[in-house]
N, C-alpha and C. Protein backbone atom coordinates (compact mmCIF):
# COMPACT_ATOMS: atom_id res chain seq x y z
N MET A 1 142.54 53.23 14.81
CA MET A 1 140.97 53.68 15.35
C MET A 1 140.44 54.72 14.89
N VAL A 2 141.36 55.94 14.67
CA VAL A 2 141.17 57.13 14.13
C VAL A 2 140.16 56.83 12.73
N ASP A 3 140.74 55.99 12.04
CA ASP A 3 139.90 55.63 10.50
C ASP A 3 138.72 54.96 10.91
N THR A 4 138.51 54.29 11.94
CA THR A 4 137.05 53.32 12.15
C THR A 4 136.41 54.69 12.72
N ALA A 5 136.84 55.23 13.67
CA ALA A 5 135.78 56.55 13.88
C ALA A 5 135.19 57.47 12.93
N ALA A 6 136.58 57.68 11.95
CA ALA A 6 135.88 58.44 10.91
C ALA A 6 134.97 57.91 9.80
N ALA A 7 134.95 56.48 9.92
CA ALA A 7 133.71 55.79 9.07
C ALA A 7 132.64 55.64 9.85
N MET A 8 132.69 55.45 11.22
CA MET A 8 131.57 55.70 11.97
C MET A 8 130.69 57.03 11.80
N LYS A 9 131.51 57.93 11.89
CA LYS A 9 131.08 59.38 11.88
C LYS A 9 130.32 59.66 10.47
N GLU A 10 130.91 58.89 9.29
CA GLU A 10 130.19 58.88 8.18
C GLU A 10 128.67 58.16 8.32
N ILE A 11 129.07 56.94 8.88
CA ILE A 11 127.82 56.22 8.78
C ILE A 11 126.66 56.63 9.91
N LEU A 12 127.00 57.53 10.96
CA LEU A 12 126.06 58.36 11.50
C LEU A 12 125.51 59.54 11.06
N GLU A 13 126.16 60.27 10.44
CA GLU A 13 125.55 61.53 9.61
C GLU A 13 124.66 60.81 8.64
N GLU A 14 125.06 59.90 7.73
CA GLU A 14 124.27 59.20 6.80
C GLU A 14 122.67 58.75 7.47
N ARG A 15 122.90 57.91 8.58
CA ARG A 15 121.85 57.29 9.22
C ARG A 15 121.12 58.77 9.82
N PHE A 16 121.42 59.38 10.52
CA PHE A 16 120.92 60.42 11.33
C PHE A 16 120.82 61.65 11.10
N GLY A 17 121.41 62.27 10.03
CA GLY A 17 122.17 63.60 9.31
C GLY A 17 122.84 64.23 10.65
N GLU A 18 122.65 65.36 10.99
CA GLU A 18 123.51 65.85 12.21
C GLU A 18 123.70 65.00 13.24
N LEU A 19 125.30 65.24 13.48
CA LEU A 19 125.61 64.41 14.56
C LEU A 19 125.05 65.04 16.12
N PRO A 20 124.62 64.03 16.96
CA PRO A 20 124.22 64.71 18.10
C PRO A 20 125.46 65.53 18.75
N ALA A 21 125.28 66.75 19.58
CA ALA A 21 126.23 67.29 20.41
C ALA A 21 127.49 66.64 20.99
N VAL A 22 126.67 65.48 21.57
CA VAL A 22 127.68 64.63 22.67
C VAL A 22 128.62 63.93 21.70
N LEU A 23 128.13 63.61 20.54
CA LEU A 23 129.36 63.03 19.74
C LEU A 23 130.10 63.77 19.00
N ARG A 24 129.73 65.06 18.70
CA ARG A 24 130.67 66.11 18.36
C ARG A 24 131.67 66.35 18.85
N LEU A 25 131.44 66.57 20.61
CA LEU A 25 132.16 66.71 21.71
C LEU A 25 133.48 65.62 21.85
N LEU A 26 132.99 64.45 21.48
CA LEU A 26 133.74 63.19 21.60
C LEU A 26 134.51 62.83 20.40
N GLU A 27 134.32 63.61 19.41
CA GLU A 27 135.44 63.44 18.19
C GLU A 27 136.60 63.34 18.41
N ALA A 28 137.18 64.25 19.14
CA ALA A 28 138.39 64.41 19.59
C ALA A 28 138.97 63.30 20.30
N GLU A 29 138.09 62.27 20.83
CA GLU A 29 138.64 60.74 21.43
C GLU A 29 137.90 59.63 20.77
N PRO A 30 138.33 59.10 19.95
CA PRO A 30 138.06 58.29 18.90
C PRO A 30 137.22 56.91 19.54
N GLY A 31 138.10 56.33 20.56
CA GLY A 31 137.63 55.38 21.45
C GLY A 31 136.28 55.59 21.91
N ALA A 32 136.20 56.80 22.54
CA ALA A 32 134.86 57.29 23.22
C ALA A 32 133.73 57.53 22.26
N PHE A 33 134.21 58.17 21.13
CA PHE A 33 133.35 58.32 20.08
C PHE A 33 132.75 57.07 19.37
N LEU A 34 133.51 55.97 19.13
CA LEU A 34 133.27 54.72 18.65
C LEU A 34 132.18 54.24 19.81
N THR A 35 132.56 54.29 21.00
CA THR A 35 131.67 53.45 21.85
C THR A 35 130.39 54.14 21.81
N GLU A 36 130.42 55.40 22.03
CA GLU A 36 129.02 56.03 22.33
C GLU A 36 128.14 56.01 20.98
N GLY A 37 129.07 56.12 19.59
CA GLY A 37 128.32 55.93 18.10
C GLY A 37 127.55 55.09 18.21
N LEU A 38 128.51 53.70 18.44
CA LEU A 38 127.66 52.35 18.50
C LEU A 38 126.70 52.02 19.00
N ARG A 39 126.57 52.64 20.51
CA ARG A 39 125.67 52.52 21.41
C ARG A 39 124.14 53.24 20.67
N ARG A 40 124.54 54.39 20.13
CA ARG A 40 123.31 55.04 19.83
C ARG A 40 123.06 54.42 18.42
N PHE A 41 123.98 53.95 17.48
CA PHE A 41 123.41 53.24 16.26
C PHE A 41 122.79 51.98 16.62
N ARG A 42 123.02 51.33 17.76
CA ARG A 42 122.29 50.15 18.00
C ARG A 42 120.83 50.48 18.51
N ARG A 43 120.90 51.62 19.40
CA ARG A 43 119.59 51.97 19.79
C ARG A 43 118.35 52.15 18.90
N PHE A 44 119.14 52.80 17.74
CA PHE A 44 118.23 53.29 16.70
C PHE A 44 118.13 52.62 15.35
N SER A 45 118.46 51.24 15.56
CA SER A 45 118.49 50.49 14.53
C SER A 45 118.13 49.00 14.88
N GLY A 46 117.08 48.49 14.11
CA GLY A 46 116.59 47.33 14.50
C GLY A 46 115.76 47.11 15.82
N GLY A 47 115.81 46.21 16.41
CA GLY A 47 115.06 45.73 17.77
C GLY A 47 113.46 45.60 17.16
N LYS A 48 112.67 45.68 18.30
CA LYS A 48 111.28 45.27 18.28
C LYS A 48 110.64 46.20 17.77
N LEU A 49 110.98 47.51 17.83
CA LEU A 49 110.14 48.74 17.48
C LEU A 49 110.18 48.88 16.06
N THR A 50 109.18 49.34 15.52
CA THR A 50 109.44 50.17 14.13
C THR A 50 110.05 51.72 14.06
N ALA A 51 110.54 52.03 12.89
CA ALA A 51 111.39 53.12 12.96
C ALA A 51 110.19 54.33 13.75
N ARG A 52 108.74 54.25 13.32
CA ARG A 52 108.01 55.27 13.71
C ARG A 52 107.75 55.12 15.17
N GLU A 53 107.77 53.88 15.83
CA GLU A 53 107.68 53.66 17.32
C GLU A 53 109.03 54.32 17.86
N ARG A 54 110.15 54.05 17.41
CA ARG A 54 110.96 54.38 17.97
C ARG A 54 111.12 55.99 17.96
N GLU A 55 111.04 56.58 17.05
CA GLU A 55 110.97 57.99 16.39
C GLU A 55 110.16 58.82 17.85
N ALA A 56 108.62 58.08 17.83
CA ALA A 56 107.99 58.71 18.91
C ALA A 56 108.26 58.35 20.12
N ALA A 57 109.07 57.40 20.66
CA ALA A 57 109.65 57.55 21.92
C ALA A 57 110.65 58.54 22.15
N ALA A 58 111.77 58.77 20.90
CA ALA A 58 112.63 59.53 21.14
C ALA A 58 112.10 61.19 21.14
N ILE A 59 111.02 61.08 20.62
CA ILE A 59 110.23 62.68 20.18
C ILE A 59 109.78 62.94 21.79
N GLY A 60 108.94 62.06 22.36
CA GLY A 60 108.63 62.25 23.57
C GLY A 60 109.56 62.28 24.64
N ALA A 61 110.63 61.57 24.47
CA ALA A 61 111.44 61.73 25.43
C ALA A 61 112.24 63.03 25.58
N SER A 62 112.69 63.47 24.20
CA SER A 62 113.25 64.65 23.97
C SER A 62 112.76 65.71 24.13
N ALA A 63 111.47 66.03 24.15
CA ALA A 63 110.34 66.97 24.76
C ALA A 63 110.40 67.02 26.39
N ALA A 64 110.16 65.90 26.84
CA ALA A 64 110.07 65.63 28.42
C ALA A 64 111.69 66.38 28.86
N LEU A 65 112.65 66.04 28.28
CA LEU A 65 113.82 66.14 28.53
C LEU A 65 114.43 67.50 28.39
N GLN A 66 113.56 68.26 27.52
CA GLN A 66 113.79 70.02 26.85
C GLN A 66 115.13 69.91 26.10
N CYS A 67 115.18 69.21 25.49
CA CYS A 67 116.67 68.96 24.73
C CYS A 67 116.53 69.52 23.24
N PRO A 68 116.20 70.76 22.62
CA PRO A 68 116.10 71.41 21.53
C PRO A 68 116.57 70.83 20.48
N HIS A 69 117.65 70.39 20.77
CA HIS A 69 118.48 70.04 19.64
C HIS A 69 117.92 68.31 19.20
N CYS A 70 118.00 67.86 20.32
CA CYS A 70 117.31 66.44 19.88
C CYS A 70 115.72 66.69 19.27
N ILE A 71 114.91 67.41 19.90
CA ILE A 71 113.62 67.37 19.39
C ILE A 71 113.62 68.06 17.92
N ARG A 72 114.41 68.64 17.58
CA ARG A 72 114.37 69.28 15.93
C ARG A 72 114.74 67.97 15.18
N ALA A 73 116.11 67.25 15.77
CA ALA A 73 116.38 66.04 15.10
C ALA A 73 115.48 65.18 15.01
N HIS A 74 114.64 64.61 15.89
CA HIS A 74 113.64 63.58 16.10
C HIS A 74 112.33 64.01 15.55
N VAL A 75 112.43 65.13 15.48
CA VAL A 75 110.76 65.55 14.67
C VAL A 75 111.05 65.41 13.10
N ALA A 76 112.35 65.83 12.58
CA ALA A 76 112.70 65.92 11.24
C ALA A 76 112.70 64.14 10.89
N LYS A 77 113.28 63.40 11.74
CA LYS A 77 113.10 62.04 11.60
C LYS A 77 112.01 61.39 11.35
N GLY A 78 111.09 62.04 12.48
CA GLY A 78 109.72 61.39 12.64
C GLY A 78 109.04 61.68 11.04
N ARG A 79 109.29 62.99 10.54
CA ARG A 79 108.53 63.08 9.16
C ARG A 79 109.09 62.22 8.48
N GLU A 80 110.34 61.62 8.56
CA GLU A 80 111.13 60.69 7.62
C GLU A 80 110.41 59.53 7.73
N ALA A 81 109.79 59.06 8.80
CA ALA A 81 109.26 57.87 9.02
C ALA A 81 107.57 58.04 9.17
N GLY A 82 107.38 58.86 8.28
CA GLY A 82 105.68 58.86 8.07
C GLY A 82 104.74 59.73 8.91
N PHE A 83 105.22 60.56 10.18
CA PHE A 83 104.10 61.33 10.74
C PHE A 83 104.22 62.23 10.09
N SER A 84 102.45 62.78 10.10
CA SER A 84 101.95 63.97 9.86
C SER A 84 102.18 64.99 10.79
N ASP A 85 102.19 66.17 10.83
CA ASP A 85 102.47 67.28 11.62
C ASP A 85 101.28 67.17 12.81
N GLU A 86 99.96 66.80 12.39
CA GLU A 86 99.39 66.42 13.52
C GLU A 86 99.77 65.55 14.68
N GLU A 87 100.03 64.15 13.85
CA GLU A 87 100.67 63.13 14.89
C GLU A 87 102.02 63.64 15.83
N LEU A 88 102.82 64.63 14.75
CA LEU A 88 103.93 64.85 15.68
C LEU A 88 103.41 65.88 17.06
N ALA A 89 102.68 66.64 16.71
CA ALA A 89 102.00 67.49 17.58
C ALA A 89 101.29 66.74 18.98
N GLU A 90 100.68 65.62 18.31
CA GLU A 90 100.14 64.69 19.31
C GLU A 90 101.23 63.96 20.57
N VAL A 91 102.21 63.75 19.63
CA VAL A 91 103.17 63.05 20.67
C VAL A 91 104.06 64.35 21.43
N LEU A 92 104.03 65.39 21.12
CA LEU A 92 104.68 66.53 21.86
C LEU A 92 103.61 66.77 22.79
N ARG A 93 102.34 66.91 22.53
CA ARG A 93 101.50 67.31 23.73
C ARG A 93 101.62 66.14 24.86
N MET A 94 101.53 64.96 23.97
CA MET A 94 102.16 63.56 25.50
C MET A 94 102.77 63.96 26.29
N ALA A 95 104.23 64.33 25.62
CA ALA A 95 105.26 64.45 26.36
C ALA A 95 105.10 65.77 27.39
N ALA A 96 104.53 66.62 26.86
CA ALA A 96 104.25 68.04 27.53
C ALA A 96 103.26 67.67 29.00
N THR A 97 102.47 66.68 28.66
CA THR A 97 101.44 66.15 30.02
C THR A 97 102.49 65.23 30.87
N MET A 98 103.39 64.47 30.10
CA MET A 98 103.64 63.76 31.25
C MET A 98 104.91 64.55 32.17
N GLY A 99 105.53 65.58 31.32
CA GLY A 99 106.47 66.49 32.11
C GLY A 99 105.77 67.26 33.18
N GLU A 100 104.63 67.89 32.60
CA GLU A 100 103.75 68.60 33.72
C GLU A 100 103.62 67.35 35.02
N SER A 101 103.02 66.61 34.67
CA SER A 101 102.68 65.63 35.75
C SER A 101 103.73 65.42 36.83
N SER A 102 104.83 65.00 36.16
CA SER A 102 106.27 64.77 36.71
C SER A 102 106.32 66.19 37.98
N ILE A 103 106.59 67.21 37.33
CA ILE A 103 106.52 68.52 38.25
C ILE A 103 105.49 68.48 39.38
N LEU A 104 104.23 68.23 38.83
CA LEU A 104 103.09 68.50 39.71
C LEU A 104 103.36 67.43 41.01
N SER A 105 103.82 66.22 40.47
CA SER A 105 103.96 65.14 41.40
C SER A 105 104.90 65.42 42.35
N TRP A 106 105.79 65.96 42.11
CA TRP A 106 107.05 66.34 42.83
C TRP A 106 106.78 67.51 44.09
N GLY A 107 106.12 68.47 43.24
CA GLY A 107 105.13 69.38 44.02
C GLY A 107 104.39 69.01 45.19
N VAL A 108 103.60 68.33 44.87
CA VAL A 108 102.60 68.03 45.81
C VAL A 108 103.23 67.07 47.01
N ARG A 109 104.05 65.90 46.35
CA ARG A 109 104.93 65.38 47.40
C ARG A 109 105.50 66.57 48.76
N ALA A 110 106.28 67.31 48.18
CA ALA A 110 106.74 68.49 48.89
C ALA A 110 105.77 69.21 49.79
N LEU A 111 104.87 69.39 49.34
CA LEU A 111 103.62 69.94 50.03
C LEU A 111 103.01 69.07 51.30
N ALA A 112 102.82 68.03 50.79
CA ALA A 112 102.35 66.89 51.69
C ALA A 112 103.35 65.69 51.92
N PRO A 113 104.33 65.65 52.23
CA PRO A 113 105.52 64.47 52.47
C PRO A 113 104.65 63.19 52.68
N THR A 114 103.63 63.33 53.53
CA THR A 114 102.84 62.06 54.09
C THR A 114 102.16 61.47 53.10
N LEU A 115 102.14 62.23 51.79
CA LEU A 115 100.91 61.67 50.60
C LEU A 115 101.64 60.40 50.04
N GLU A 116 100.87 59.32 49.99
CA GLU A 116 101.33 57.86 49.66
C GLU A 116 101.25 58.10 48.04
N GLU A 117 102.26 57.21 47.54
CA GLU A 117 102.42 57.15 46.05
C GLU A 117 101.51 56.21 45.36
């Protein structure tokens, strides 16, 4: 299993560049590393979305969740997928708007608990 985990690490580093922090933490547990590595590989490979669409979603989610490591990694992958800096900025602005809307929504509900959704 250790050899398989090492091979998976090589594949993930080649595909994504730097390993995400979660995977770096799981390296000491080959079974957990393989499970999480395969899950991530599957999510960012193939499927119905294009590479650009997957990266736009990942950039937006990374920004909305405020994960600096993920934002850096996915902005770099977004550039590789052909996004211009202007397009990347637009994706980040959309994420910021969604994050702001969520915060305001929870705040309004706290102030007016009878407010209907």
